Amino acid sequence: MKEMNVEESRGSRAKYLAIIGDVVRSRDIQDRNEFQQRLRGGISKVNQEFSSSIASRFVLTIGDEFQGLLKSPEVIPQLLAVIRSEIHPIEQRIGIGIGNLDTKLEPVAIGMDGPCFHRARDAIERAKSFETSIEVESGKSNEPFRIYSLLYSNLRRGWTPRQRQVFDLSMIGMAGNVIAQQLRITPSAISQHLSAVGADVVFNATRIWVDVLVDIFNSTE
């Protein structure tokens, strides 16, 4: 008899973070086959690198939309930066929903239902409506998340493709000299790009955003 997984045994009592992602202006992508290969590569990469934080593996669903289920919020900025780096220069929108499941936990994030997915869907629809990069729906007040979303999204829109690329690789945790080697530019150019986008300020704001997300996740019934 198959031993029941701890997450399965907790059933609907367990809380998760459902993440739904979609790409911006996907109809403008000329080589869709090449792009989908890169997107699938990014999804495969996060499933491997963040496996200990993933409750249900990320998967490509309809068109260019993907989704996954996390056990905790701490890795979200790095996880999303990995996918952004793989599909650069195409941008993505993200909806995050906090809540439980009404169905049993599956190994791959498809065929499940519950408040976490409903809220993630509401969040990504809001991101599309307001043209923001990331939105969170917790079932409580979303005001702290809205402030970060608006500020970060407006800042990011003003960055050049190269600045976004350098920022995302740095968000992953890659050292400046390694980024320089990968992009074939000088380390001083990396520093200039990060300084131009105010990377330290954005990183600090993101850490605060994650702290709030953790607090709400831990307090959500």
N, C-alpha and C. Protein backbone atom coordinates (compact mmCIF):
# COMPACT_ATOMS: atom_id res chain seq x y z
N MET A 1 0.85 -1.19 0.00
CA MET A 1 0.00 0.00 0.00
C MET A 1 0.89 1.25 0.00
N LYS A 2 0.55 2.23 -0.86
CA LYS A 2 1.33 3.45 -0.98
C LYS A 2 1.22 4.27 0.30
N GLU A 3 2.39 4.70 0.80
CA GLU A 3 2.40 5.54 2.00
C GLU A 3 1.91 6.93 1.66
N MET A 4 1.02 7.47 2.46
CA MET A 4 0.44 8.77 2.18
C MET A 4 1.46 9.87 2.45
N ASN A 5 1.58 10.78 1.48
CA ASN A 5 2.44 11.93 1.61
C ASN A 5 1.93 12.82 2.74
N VAL A 6 2.87 13.49 3.46
CA VAL A 6 2.47 14.35 4.57
C VAL A 6 1.54 15.45 4.10
N GLU A 7 1.85 16.05 2.92
CA GLU A 7 1.01 17.12 2.42
C GLU A 7 -0.38 16.60 2.07
N GLU A 8 -0.45 15.38 1.48
CA GLU A 8 -1.74 14.80 1.13
C GLU A 8 -2.56 14.54 2.38
N SER A 9 -1.89 14.08 3.45
CA SER A 9 -2.61 13.73 4.65
C SER A 9 -3.21 14.95 5.33
N ARG A 10 -2.60 16.12 5.11
CA ARG A 10 -3.14 17.33 5.71
C ARG A 10 -4.38 17.82 4.95
N GLY A 11 -4.46 17.41 3.67
CA GLY A 11 -5.63 17.73 2.87
C GLY A 11 -5.91 19.21 2.82
N SER A 12 -7.19 19.57 2.93
CA SER A 12 -7.61 20.95 2.76
C SER A 12 -7.18 21.85 3.91
N ARG A 13 -6.65 21.27 5.00
CA ARG A 13 -6.18 22.10 6.12
C ARG A 13 -4.89 22.82 5.79
N ALA A 14 -4.12 22.30 4.85
CA ALA A 14 -2.84 22.90 4.50
C ALA A 14 -3.05 24.18 3.70
N LYS A 15 -2.15 25.15 3.92
CA LYS A 15 -2.18 26.39 3.16
C LYS A 15 -1.07 26.38 2.12
N TYR A 16 -1.35 26.98 1.00
CA TYR A 16 -0.40 27.02 -0.10
C TYR A 16 -0.40 28.40 -0.74
N LEU A 17 0.58 28.60 -1.59
CA LEU A 17 0.62 29.78 -2.44
C LEU A 17 0.55 29.29 -3.88
N ALA A 18 -0.58 29.54 -4.52
CA ALA A 18 -0.72 29.20 -5.93
C ALA A 18 -0.15 30.36 -6.75
N ILE A 19 0.64 30.03 -7.73
CA ILE A 19 1.23 31.04 -8.60
C ILE A 19 0.78 30.77 -10.03
N ILE A 20 0.18 31.78 -10.64
CA ILE A 20 -0.21 31.71 -12.05
C ILE A 20 0.57 32.79 -12.79
N GLY A 21 1.25 32.40 -13.85
CA GLY A 21 2.03 33.35 -14.63
C GLY A 21 1.61 33.36 -16.08
N ASP A 22 1.77 34.51 -16.71
CA ASP A 22 1.48 34.65 -18.13
C ASP A 22 2.49 35.65 -18.70
N VAL A 23 2.67 35.64 -19.99
CA VAL A 23 3.64 36.54 -20.60
C VAL A 23 2.93 37.77 -21.15
N VAL A 24 3.67 38.86 -21.20
CA VAL A 24 3.13 40.13 -21.68
C VAL A 24 3.26 40.19 -23.20
N ARG A 25 2.18 40.59 -23.86
CA ARG A 25 2.13 40.74 -25.32
C ARG A 25 2.63 39.48 -26.03
N SER A 26 2.09 38.36 -25.66
CA SER A 26 2.53 37.09 -26.23
C SER A 26 2.27 37.01 -27.74
N ARG A 27 1.28 37.74 -28.22
CA ARG A 27 0.97 37.70 -29.66
C ARG A 27 2.06 38.34 -30.50
N ASP A 28 2.91 39.15 -29.87
CA ASP A 28 3.99 39.80 -30.61
C ASP A 28 5.22 38.90 -30.76
N ILE A 29 5.22 37.75 -30.11
CA ILE A 29 6.36 36.84 -30.19
C ILE A 29 6.39 36.20 -31.58
N GLN A 30 7.50 36.35 -32.28
CA GLN A 30 7.58 35.87 -33.66
C GLN A 30 7.86 34.38 -33.73
N ASP A 31 8.86 33.92 -33.01
CA ASP A 31 9.21 32.49 -33.04
C ASP A 31 8.63 31.84 -31.78
N ARG A 32 7.39 31.41 -31.88
CA ARG A 32 6.70 30.88 -30.71
C ARG A 32 7.29 29.54 -30.26
N ASN A 33 7.76 28.74 -31.20
CA ASN A 33 8.34 27.46 -30.83
C ASN A 33 9.60 27.66 -29.98
N GLU A 34 10.46 28.58 -30.43
CA GLU A 34 11.69 28.86 -29.69
C GLU A 34 11.38 29.44 -28.32
N PHE A 35 10.38 30.33 -28.27
CA PHE A 35 10.02 30.93 -26.99
C PHE A 35 9.46 29.88 -26.03
N GLN A 36 8.59 29.02 -26.53
CA GLN A 36 8.00 28.00 -25.65
C GLN A 36 9.06 27.04 -25.12
N GLN A 37 10.08 26.77 -25.92
CA GLN A 37 11.17 25.93 -25.44
C GLN A 37 11.90 26.60 -24.28
N ARG A 38 12.11 27.92 -24.40
CA ARG A 38 12.77 28.65 -23.31
C ARG A 38 11.90 28.70 -22.07
N LEU A 39 10.59 28.91 -22.27
CA LEU A 39 9.68 28.95 -21.13
C LEU A 39 9.63 27.59 -20.43
N ARG A 40 9.55 26.53 -21.22
CA ARG A 40 9.56 25.18 -20.63
C ARG A 40 10.87 24.93 -19.89
N GLY A 41 11.96 25.44 -20.45
CA GLY A 41 13.26 25.29 -19.79
C GLY A 41 13.29 26.00 -18.45
N GLY A 42 12.70 27.21 -18.41
CA GLY A 42 12.64 27.95 -17.16
C GLY A 42 11.80 27.24 -16.11
N ILE A 43 10.67 26.68 -16.55
CA ILE A 43 9.79 25.94 -15.64
C ILE A 43 10.50 24.71 -15.09
N SER A 44 11.18 23.99 -15.98
CA SER A 44 11.93 22.80 -15.55
C SER A 44 13.03 23.18 -14.56
N LYS A 45 13.67 24.31 -14.81
CA LYS A 45 14.76 24.76 -13.95
C LYS A 45 14.26 25.08 -12.54
N VAL A 46 13.14 25.80 -12.43
CA VAL A 46 12.64 26.13 -11.08
C VAL A 46 12.14 24.89 -10.36
N ASN A 47 11.57 23.94 -11.12
CA ASN A 47 11.12 22.70 -10.48
C ASN A 47 12.28 21.94 -9.86
N GLN A 48 13.45 22.03 -10.47
CA GLN A 48 14.64 21.36 -9.94
C GLN A 48 15.28 22.16 -8.81
N GLU A 49 15.47 23.45 -9.04
CA GLU A 49 16.23 24.27 -8.10
C GLU A 49 15.46 24.61 -6.82
N PHE A 50 14.13 24.63 -6.91
CA PHE A 50 13.32 25.01 -5.75
C PHE A 50 12.41 23.88 -5.30
N SER A 51 12.82 22.65 -5.56
CA SER A 51 11.97 21.49 -5.29
C SER A 51 11.55 21.39 -3.82
N SER A 52 12.43 21.81 -2.90
CA SER A 52 12.09 21.69 -1.48
C SER A 52 11.00 22.67 -1.05
N SER A 53 10.78 23.72 -1.83
CA SER A 53 9.75 24.71 -1.51
C SER A 53 8.48 24.51 -2.32
N ILE A 54 8.51 23.59 -3.27
CA ILE A 54 7.38 23.38 -4.17
C ILE A 54 6.49 22.25 -3.66
N ALA A 55 5.20 22.54 -3.54
CA ALA A 55 4.23 21.52 -3.13
C ALA A 55 3.73 20.74 -4.33
N SER A 56 3.58 21.44 -5.45
CA SER A 56 3.08 20.83 -6.69
C SER A 56 3.81 21.50 -7.84
N ARG A 57 4.47 20.71 -8.67
CA ARG A 57 5.41 21.24 -9.66
C ARG A 57 4.76 22.19 -10.66
N PHE A 58 5.56 23.17 -11.08
CA PHE A 58 5.11 24.13 -12.08
C PHE A 58 4.93 23.44 -13.42
N VAL A 59 3.94 23.91 -14.17
CA VAL A 59 3.62 23.30 -15.45
C VAL A 59 3.04 24.34 -16.39
N LEU A 60 3.32 24.19 -17.67
CA LEU A 60 2.71 25.04 -18.69
C LEU A 60 1.28 24.55 -18.90
N THR A 61 0.32 25.48 -18.90
CA THR A 61 -1.08 25.07 -18.99
C THR A 61 -1.66 25.43 -20.35
N ILE A 62 -2.30 26.58 -20.46
CA ILE A 62 -2.93 27.00 -21.72
C ILE A 62 -2.12 28.12 -22.35
N GLY A 63 -1.77 27.96 -23.63
CA GLY A 63 -1.00 28.99 -24.30
C GLY A 63 0.35 29.17 -23.63
N ASP A 64 0.62 30.39 -23.18
CA ASP A 64 1.88 30.71 -22.51
C ASP A 64 1.70 30.85 -21.00
N GLU A 65 0.58 30.35 -20.49
CA GLU A 65 0.31 30.46 -19.06
C GLU A 65 0.91 29.26 -18.32
N PHE A 66 1.41 29.52 -17.13
CA PHE A 66 1.98 28.44 -16.32
C PHE A 66 1.52 28.62 -14.88
N GLN A 67 1.58 27.53 -14.12
CA GLN A 67 1.18 27.62 -12.72
C GLN A 67 1.90 26.58 -11.88
N GLY A 68 1.98 26.87 -10.59
CA GLY A 68 2.60 25.96 -9.64
C GLY A 68 2.09 26.25 -8.24
N LEU A 69 2.47 25.41 -7.30
CA LEU A 69 1.99 25.54 -5.93
C LEU A 69 3.19 25.48 -4.98
N LEU A 70 3.30 26.48 -4.11
CA LEU A 70 4.41 26.55 -3.17
C LEU A 70 3.96 26.27 -1.74
N LYS A 71 4.90 25.75 -0.94
CA LYS A 71 4.63 25.51 0.48
C LYS A 71 4.85 26.76 1.32
N SER A 72 5.71 27.66 0.85
CA SER A 72 6.06 28.86 1.61
C SER A 72 6.51 29.96 0.64
N PRO A 73 6.46 31.23 1.08
CA PRO A 73 6.70 32.34 0.16
C PRO A 73 8.15 32.77 -0.04
N GLU A 74 9.06 32.33 0.81
CA GLU A 74 10.39 32.94 0.86
C GLU A 74 11.14 32.94 -0.47
N VAL A 75 10.93 31.92 -1.30
CA VAL A 75 11.73 31.79 -2.53
C VAL A 75 11.10 32.47 -3.73
N ILE A 76 9.95 33.09 -3.56
CA ILE A 76 9.21 33.62 -4.71
C ILE A 76 10.04 34.60 -5.57
N PRO A 77 10.71 35.61 -5.00
CA PRO A 77 11.47 36.53 -5.86
C PRO A 77 12.53 35.83 -6.71
N GLN A 78 13.27 34.90 -6.10
CA GLN A 78 14.32 34.20 -6.84
C GLN A 78 13.72 33.26 -7.89
N LEU A 79 12.67 32.56 -7.51
CA LEU A 79 12.03 31.62 -8.44
C LEU A 79 11.51 32.34 -9.67
N LEU A 80 10.83 33.46 -9.47
CA LEU A 80 10.28 34.20 -10.61
C LEU A 80 11.39 34.83 -11.45
N ALA A 81 12.49 35.23 -10.80
CA ALA A 81 13.61 35.80 -11.54
C ALA A 81 14.27 34.77 -12.45
N VAL A 82 14.28 33.51 -12.02
CA VAL A 82 14.82 32.44 -12.87
C VAL A 82 14.01 32.33 -14.16
N ILE A 83 12.69 32.33 -14.04
CA ILE A 83 11.85 32.23 -15.23
C ILE A 83 12.01 33.46 -16.11
N ARG A 84 12.04 34.65 -15.50
CA ARG A 84 12.22 35.87 -16.29
C ARG A 84 13.54 35.83 -17.06
N SER A 85 14.59 35.34 -16.41
CA SER A 85 15.90 35.27 -17.07
C SER A 85 15.88 34.33 -18.26
N GLU A 86 15.13 33.25 -18.14
CA GLU A 86 15.07 32.27 -19.22
C GLU A 86 14.28 32.78 -20.42
N ILE A 87 13.30 33.65 -20.19
CA ILE A 87 12.46 34.12 -21.31
C ILE A 87 12.81 35.54 -21.73
N HIS A 88 13.87 36.12 -21.16
CA HIS A 88 14.30 37.48 -21.51
C HIS A 88 14.43 37.61 -23.03
N PRO A 89 13.98 38.73 -23.63
CA PRO A 89 13.50 39.98 -23.02
C PRO A 89 11.97 40.04 -22.83
N ILE A 90 11.28 38.92 -23.02
CA ILE A 90 9.84 38.90 -22.82
C ILE A 90 9.53 39.05 -21.33
N GLU A 91 8.54 39.87 -21.01
CA GLU A 91 8.15 40.09 -19.62
C GLU A 91 6.99 39.18 -19.23
N GLN A 92 6.82 38.97 -17.93
CA GLN A 92 5.74 38.12 -17.43
C GLN A 92 4.89 38.87 -16.42
N ARG A 93 3.65 38.41 -16.27
CA ARG A 93 2.78 38.90 -15.20
C ARG A 93 2.51 37.72 -14.27
N ILE A 94 2.40 38.02 -12.97
CA ILE A 94 2.24 36.96 -11.98
C ILE A 94 1.08 37.27 -11.05
N GLY A 95 0.26 36.25 -10.79
CA GLY A 95 -0.78 36.33 -9.77
C GLY A 95 -0.51 35.30 -8.70
N ILE A 96 -0.54 35.73 -7.44
CA ILE A 96 -0.28 34.84 -6.31
C ILE A 96 -1.52 34.77 -5.44
N GLY A 97 -1.96 33.57 -5.13
CA GLY A 97 -3.11 33.38 -4.27
C GLY A 97 -2.77 32.55 -3.05
N ILE A 98 -3.18 33.02 -1.87
CA ILE A 98 -2.92 32.31 -0.62
C ILE A 98 -4.20 31.62 -0.16
N GLY A 99 -4.09 30.35 0.20
CA GLY A 99 -5.27 29.65 0.69
C GLY A 99 -5.06 28.14 0.68
N ASN A 100 -6.15 27.42 0.87
CA ASN A 100 -6.06 25.96 0.90
C ASN A 100 -6.56 25.36 -0.41
N LEU A 101 -6.66 24.04 -0.43
CA LEU A 101 -7.17 23.30 -1.57
C LEU A 101 -8.49 22.63 -1.21
N ASP A 102 -9.38 22.54 -2.18
CA ASP A 102 -10.62 21.77 -2.00
C ASP A 102 -10.46 20.36 -2.54
N THR A 103 -9.38 20.14 -3.30
CA THR A 103 -9.11 18.82 -3.87
C THR A 103 -7.78 18.31 -3.32
N LYS A 104 -7.46 17.07 -3.60
CA LYS A 104 -6.21 16.52 -3.08
C LYS A 104 -5.02 17.11 -3.83
N LEU A 105 -3.90 17.14 -3.15
CA LEU A 105 -2.67 17.66 -3.71
C LEU A 105 -2.15 16.72 -4.79
N GLU A 106 -1.83 17.28 -5.96
CA GLU A 106 -1.27 16.50 -7.06
C GLU A 106 0.21 16.82 -7.21
N PRO A 107 0.99 15.89 -7.77
CA PRO A 107 2.42 16.15 -7.93
C PRO A 107 2.72 17.28 -8.91
N VAL A 108 1.84 17.46 -9.89
CA VAL A 108 1.97 18.55 -10.86
C VAL A 108 0.77 19.46 -10.71
N ALA A 109 0.99 20.77 -10.83
CA ALA A 109 -0.06 21.76 -10.51
C ALA A 109 -1.11 21.87 -11.61
N ILE A 110 -1.87 20.81 -11.77
CA ILE A 110 -2.97 20.81 -12.71
C ILE A 110 -4.04 19.85 -12.18
N GLY A 111 -5.30 20.17 -12.45
CA GLY A 111 -6.38 19.31 -11.97
C GLY A 111 -6.73 19.50 -10.51
N MET A 112 -6.30 20.64 -9.93
CA MET A 112 -6.63 20.94 -8.54
C MET A 112 -7.51 22.17 -8.48
N ASP A 113 -8.19 22.33 -7.35
CA ASP A 113 -9.09 23.48 -7.19
C ASP A 113 -9.13 23.88 -5.72
N GLY A 114 -9.45 25.13 -5.48
CA GLY A 114 -9.55 25.62 -4.11
C GLY A 114 -9.29 27.11 -4.04
N PRO A 115 -9.46 27.71 -2.86
CA PRO A 115 -9.29 29.15 -2.70
C PRO A 115 -7.94 29.69 -3.18
N CYS A 116 -6.86 28.94 -2.98
CA CYS A 116 -5.55 29.45 -3.40
C CYS A 116 -5.51 29.70 -4.91
N PHE A 117 -6.10 28.79 -5.69
CA PHE A 117 -6.12 28.96 -7.14
C PHE A 117 -7.11 30.04 -7.57
N HIS A 118 -8.27 30.10 -6.89
CA HIS A 118 -9.24 31.15 -7.22
C HIS A 118 -8.62 32.53 -6.99
N ARG A 119 -7.90 32.67 -5.88
CA ARG A 119 -7.28 33.96 -5.56
C ARG A 119 -6.14 34.28 -6.51
N ALA A 120 -5.37 33.27 -6.90
CA ALA A 120 -4.30 33.50 -7.87
C ALA A 120 -4.87 33.96 -9.20
N ARG A 121 -6.00 33.39 -9.60
CA ARG A 121 -6.66 33.80 -10.84
C ARG A 121 -7.13 35.25 -10.73
N ASP A 122 -7.74 35.59 -9.60
CA ASP A 122 -8.17 36.99 -9.38
C ASP A 122 -6.97 37.93 -9.44
N ALA A 123 -5.85 37.49 -8.86
CA ALA A 123 -4.65 38.33 -8.80
C ALA A 123 -4.07 38.57 -10.19
N ILE A 124 -3.99 37.53 -11.01
CA ILE A 124 -3.39 37.74 -12.33
C ILE A 124 -4.32 38.54 -13.24
N GLU A 125 -5.63 38.38 -13.05
CA GLU A 125 -6.56 39.21 -13.82
C GLU A 125 -6.40 40.67 -13.44
N ARG A 126 -6.15 40.94 -12.16
CA ARG A 126 -5.91 42.30 -11.71
C ARG A 126 -4.59 42.83 -12.30
N ALA A 127 -3.57 41.97 -12.36
CA ALA A 127 -2.29 42.37 -12.94
C ALA A 127 -2.46 42.74 -14.41
N LYS A 128 -3.27 41.98 -15.13
CA LYS A 128 -3.53 42.29 -16.54
C LYS A 128 -4.29 43.60 -16.66
N SER A 129 -5.28 43.79 -15.80
CA SER A 129 -6.12 44.98 -15.85
C SER A 129 -5.33 46.25 -15.55
N PHE A 130 -4.44 46.18 -14.54
CA PHE A 130 -3.67 47.36 -14.13
C PHE A 130 -2.29 47.41 -14.78
N GLU A 131 -1.98 46.39 -15.61
CA GLU A 131 -0.68 46.30 -16.28
C GLU A 131 0.47 46.35 -15.28
N THR A 132 0.32 45.57 -14.22
CA THR A 132 1.38 45.44 -13.22
C THR A 132 2.09 44.10 -13.39
N SER A 133 3.26 43.99 -12.79
CA SER A 133 4.07 42.79 -12.95
C SER A 133 3.65 41.66 -12.03
N ILE A 134 3.15 42.01 -10.84
CA ILE A 134 2.83 40.98 -9.85
C ILE A 134 1.73 41.48 -8.92
N GLU A 135 0.78 40.61 -8.62
CA GLU A 135 -0.31 40.94 -7.70
C GLU A 135 -0.52 39.77 -6.75
N VAL A 136 -1.00 40.08 -5.55
CA VAL A 136 -1.26 39.06 -4.54
C VAL A 136 -2.70 39.18 -4.07
N GLU A 137 -3.36 38.04 -3.92
CA GLU A 137 -4.70 37.99 -3.32
C GLU A 137 -4.64 37.04 -2.14
N SER A 138 -4.87 37.58 -0.95
CA SER A 138 -4.72 36.78 0.27
C SER A 138 -6.04 36.45 0.95
N GLY A 139 -7.12 37.08 0.50
CA GLY A 139 -8.39 36.93 1.21
C GLY A 139 -8.52 37.94 2.33
N LYS A 140 -7.46 38.73 2.54
CA LYS A 140 -7.47 39.81 3.52
C LYS A 140 -7.16 41.11 2.78
N SER A 141 -6.70 42.12 3.50
CA SER A 141 -6.32 43.38 2.87
C SER A 141 -5.10 43.17 1.98
N ASN A 142 -5.18 43.63 0.74
CA ASN A 142 -4.07 43.49 -0.18
C ASN A 142 -3.29 44.79 -0.35
N GLU A 143 -3.61 45.80 0.46
CA GLU A 143 -3.01 47.12 0.30
C GLU A 143 -1.49 47.09 0.36
N PRO A 144 -0.85 46.38 1.32
CA PRO A 144 0.62 46.36 1.33
C PRO A 144 1.20 45.80 0.04
N PHE A 145 0.54 44.82 -0.54
CA PHE A 145 1.03 44.23 -1.78
C PHE A 145 0.79 45.15 -2.97
N ARG A 146 -0.32 45.88 -2.96
CA ARG A 146 -0.64 46.79 -4.06
C ARG A 146 0.40 47.90 -4.16
N ILE A 147 0.84 48.42 -3.01
CA ILE A 147 1.83 49.50 -3.02
C ILE A 147 3.12 49.01 -3.68
N TYR A 148 3.60 47.84 -3.27
CA TYR A 148 4.82 47.28 -3.86
C TYR A 148 4.62 47.03 -5.34
N SER A 149 3.49 46.45 -5.69
CA SER A 149 3.22 46.10 -7.09
C SER A 149 3.27 47.33 -7.98
N LEU A 150 2.61 48.39 -7.56
CA LEU A 150 2.57 49.61 -8.37
C LEU A 150 3.95 50.24 -8.51
N LEU A 151 4.68 50.33 -7.40
CA LEU A 151 6.01 50.94 -7.44
C LEU A 151 6.98 50.11 -8.27
N TYR A 152 7.03 48.80 -7.99
CA TYR A 152 7.95 47.93 -8.71
C TYR A 152 7.63 47.89 -10.20
N SER A 153 6.36 47.78 -10.53
CA SER A 153 5.95 47.68 -11.93
C SER A 153 6.29 48.94 -12.70
N ASN A 154 6.05 50.10 -12.09
CA ASN A 154 6.37 51.37 -12.75
C ASN A 154 7.87 51.54 -12.93
N LEU A 155 8.63 51.15 -11.91
CA LEU A 155 10.08 51.21 -12.04
C LEU A 155 10.57 50.30 -13.16
N ARG A 156 10.10 49.07 -13.17
CA ARG A 156 10.58 48.09 -14.13
C ARG A 156 10.27 48.50 -15.57
N ARG A 157 9.11 49.14 -15.77
CA ARG A 157 8.75 49.59 -17.12
C ARG A 157 9.74 50.61 -17.65
N GLY A 158 10.39 51.34 -16.75
CA GLY A 158 11.34 52.36 -17.17
C GLY A 158 12.75 51.84 -17.41
N TRP A 159 12.98 50.56 -17.12
CA TRP A 159 14.31 49.99 -17.31
C TRP A 159 14.50 49.52 -18.75
N THR A 160 15.75 49.53 -19.20
CA THR A 160 16.07 48.97 -20.50
C THR A 160 16.07 47.44 -20.40
N PRO A 161 15.96 46.74 -21.54
CA PRO A 161 16.03 45.28 -21.49
C PRO A 161 17.30 44.76 -20.81
N ARG A 162 18.43 45.42 -21.06
CA ARG A 162 19.68 44.98 -20.42
C ARG A 162 19.63 45.21 -18.91
N GLN A 163 19.06 46.32 -18.47
CA GLN A 163 18.94 46.58 -17.04
C GLN A 163 18.06 45.54 -16.36
N ARG A 164 16.95 45.18 -17.02
CA ARG A 164 16.07 44.14 -16.46
C ARG A 164 16.81 42.81 -16.37
N GLN A 165 17.58 42.50 -17.39
CA GLN A 165 18.31 41.23 -17.41
C GLN A 165 19.33 41.17 -16.28
N VAL A 166 20.10 42.23 -16.11
CA VAL A 166 21.11 42.27 -15.05
C VAL A 166 20.44 42.21 -13.68
N PHE A 167 19.35 42.95 -13.50
CA PHE A 167 18.64 42.94 -12.22
C PHE A 167 18.14 41.54 -11.89
N ASP A 168 17.54 40.86 -12.87
CA ASP A 168 16.98 39.53 -12.62
C ASP A 168 18.07 38.52 -12.26
N LEU A 169 19.19 38.57 -12.96
CA LEU A 169 20.29 37.65 -12.65
C LEU A 169 20.85 37.93 -11.26
N SER A 170 20.89 39.20 -10.89
CA SER A 170 21.34 39.55 -9.55
C SER A 170 20.33 39.10 -8.50
N MET A 171 19.04 39.21 -8.81
CA MET A 171 17.99 38.75 -7.89
C MET A 171 18.12 37.25 -7.63
N ILE A 172 18.50 36.50 -8.65
CA ILE A 172 18.69 35.06 -8.48
C ILE A 172 19.78 34.77 -7.46
N GLY A 173 20.74 35.71 -7.36
CA GLY A 173 21.85 35.52 -6.43
C GLY A 173 23.18 35.39 -7.13
N MET A 174 23.20 35.65 -8.43
CA MET A 174 24.42 35.53 -9.20
C MET A 174 25.34 36.72 -8.91
N ALA A 175 26.62 36.45 -8.71
CA ALA A 175 27.59 37.51 -8.42
C ALA A 175 27.82 38.37 -9.66
N GLY A 176 28.22 39.63 -9.42
CA GLY A 176 28.40 40.57 -10.52
C GLY A 176 29.40 40.11 -11.56
N ASN A 177 30.53 39.53 -11.12
CA ASN A 177 31.53 39.08 -12.09
C ASN A 177 31.04 37.90 -12.91
N VAL A 178 30.17 37.07 -12.31
CA VAL A 178 29.60 35.93 -13.05
C VAL A 178 28.59 36.43 -14.08
N ILE A 179 27.78 37.41 -13.69
CA ILE A 179 26.83 38.01 -14.64
C ILE A 179 27.59 38.63 -15.80
N ALA A 180 28.67 39.36 -15.48
CA ALA A 180 29.47 40.00 -16.51
C ALA A 180 30.03 38.99 -17.50
N GLN A 181 30.50 37.88 -16.97
CA GLN A 181 31.05 36.82 -17.83
C GLN A 181 29.96 36.22 -18.71
N GLN A 182 28.78 35.98 -18.13
CA GLN A 182 27.69 35.38 -18.89
C GLN A 182 27.19 36.31 -19.99
N LEU A 183 27.11 37.61 -19.69
CA LEU A 183 26.58 38.57 -20.66
C LEU A 183 27.67 39.18 -21.54
N ARG A 184 28.92 38.83 -21.25
CA ARG A 184 30.07 39.30 -22.02
C ARG A 184 30.18 40.82 -21.99
N ILE A 185 30.03 41.37 -20.80
CA ILE A 185 30.26 42.79 -20.57
C ILE A 185 31.15 42.91 -19.34
N THR A 186 31.60 44.11 -19.04
CA THR A 186 32.54 44.30 -17.93
C THR A 186 31.82 44.31 -16.58
N PRO A 187 32.51 43.93 -15.52
CA PRO A 187 31.92 44.02 -14.18
C PRO A 187 31.48 45.44 -13.83
N SER A 188 32.23 46.44 -14.31
CA SER A 188 31.85 47.83 -14.02
C SER A 188 30.52 48.17 -14.70
N ALA A 189 30.27 47.59 -15.87
CA ALA A 189 28.99 47.82 -16.56
C ALA A 189 27.84 47.22 -15.75
N ILE A 190 28.09 46.07 -15.13
CA ILE A 190 27.07 45.45 -14.27
C ILE A 190 26.75 46.38 -13.11
N SER A 191 27.78 46.91 -12.47
CA SER A 191 27.58 47.83 -11.35
C SER A 191 26.80 49.07 -11.78
N GLN A 192 27.11 49.57 -12.96
CA GLN A 192 26.42 50.76 -13.47
C GLN A 192 24.94 50.47 -13.72
N HIS A 193 24.65 49.31 -14.29
CA HIS A 193 23.25 48.94 -14.55
C HIS A 193 22.48 48.82 -13.24
N LEU A 194 23.07 48.16 -12.25
CA LEU A 194 22.39 47.97 -10.97
C LEU A 194 22.19 49.30 -10.25
N SER A 195 23.18 50.18 -10.35
CA SER A 195 23.06 51.50 -9.74
C SER A 195 21.97 52.32 -10.42
N ALA A 196 21.90 52.22 -11.74
CA ALA A 196 20.92 53.01 -12.51
C ALA A 196 19.49 52.65 -12.17
N VAL A 197 19.24 51.38 -11.83
CA VAL A 197 17.87 50.97 -11.51
C VAL A 197 17.57 51.04 -10.02
N GLY A 198 18.56 51.48 -9.23
CA GLY A 198 18.36 51.53 -7.78
C GLY A 198 18.15 50.15 -7.20
N ALA A 199 18.99 49.20 -7.63
CA ALA A 199 18.79 47.79 -7.28
C ALA A 199 18.74 47.56 -5.77
N ASP A 200 19.61 48.22 -5.02
CA ASP A 200 19.63 48.00 -3.56
C ASP A 200 18.29 48.37 -2.93
N VAL A 201 17.71 49.47 -3.39
CA VAL A 201 16.41 49.90 -2.86
C VAL A 201 15.32 48.90 -3.23
N VAL A 202 15.35 48.44 -4.49
CA VAL A 202 14.33 47.48 -4.94
C VAL A 202 14.48 46.15 -4.22
N PHE A 203 15.72 45.71 -4.01
CA PHE A 203 15.94 44.46 -3.27
C PHE A 203 15.41 44.58 -1.84
N ASN A 204 15.67 45.72 -1.20
CA ASN A 204 15.18 45.92 0.17
C ASN A 204 13.66 45.95 0.21
N ALA A 205 13.05 46.63 -0.76
CA ALA A 205 11.58 46.68 -0.83
C ALA A 205 11.02 45.28 -1.05
N THR A 206 11.71 44.49 -1.86
CA THR A 206 11.25 43.13 -2.13
C THR A 206 11.35 42.27 -0.88
N ARG A 207 12.41 42.45 -0.10
CA ARG A 207 12.54 41.70 1.15
C ARG A 207 11.41 42.04 2.12
N ILE A 208 11.06 43.32 2.19
CA ILE A 208 9.94 43.72 3.05
C ILE A 208 8.64 43.12 2.54
N TRP A 209 8.45 43.13 1.23
CA TRP A 209 7.26 42.53 0.60
C TRP A 209 7.16 41.05 0.97
N VAL A 210 8.28 40.34 0.91
CA VAL A 210 8.30 38.92 1.27
C VAL A 210 7.97 38.75 2.75
N ASP A 211 8.52 39.60 3.61
CA ASP A 211 8.23 39.50 5.05
C ASP A 211 6.73 39.66 5.32
N VAL A 212 6.10 40.62 4.64
CA VAL A 212 4.65 40.81 4.80
C VAL A 212 3.91 39.59 4.28
N LEU A 213 4.37 39.06 3.15
CA LEU A 213 3.75 37.87 2.57
C LEU A 213 3.84 36.68 3.54
N VAL A 214 5.00 36.52 4.16
CA VAL A 214 5.19 35.44 5.14
C VAL A 214 4.24 35.61 6.32
N ASP A 215 4.15 36.83 6.83
CA ASP A 215 3.27 37.09 7.98
C ASP A 215 1.82 36.77 7.66
N ILE A 216 1.37 37.23 6.49
CA ILE A 216 -0.03 36.99 6.11
C ILE A 216 -0.26 35.51 5.81
N PHE A 217 0.71 34.87 5.17
CA PHE A 217 0.59 33.44 4.89
C PHE A 217 0.47 32.64 6.18
N ASN A 218 1.26 32.99 7.16
CA ASN A 218 1.25 32.27 8.43
C ASN A 218 0.01 32.55 9.27
N SER A 219 -0.67 33.67 8.99
CA SER A 219 -1.84 34.03 9.79
C SER A 219 -3.15 33.74 9.08
N THR A 220 -3.09 33.42 7.77
CA THR A 220 -4.31 33.16 7.01
C THR A 220 -4.92 31.84 7.43
N GLU A 221 -6.21 31.86 7.71
CA GLU A 221 -6.90 30.62 8.09
C GLU A 221 -7.29 29.83 6.85
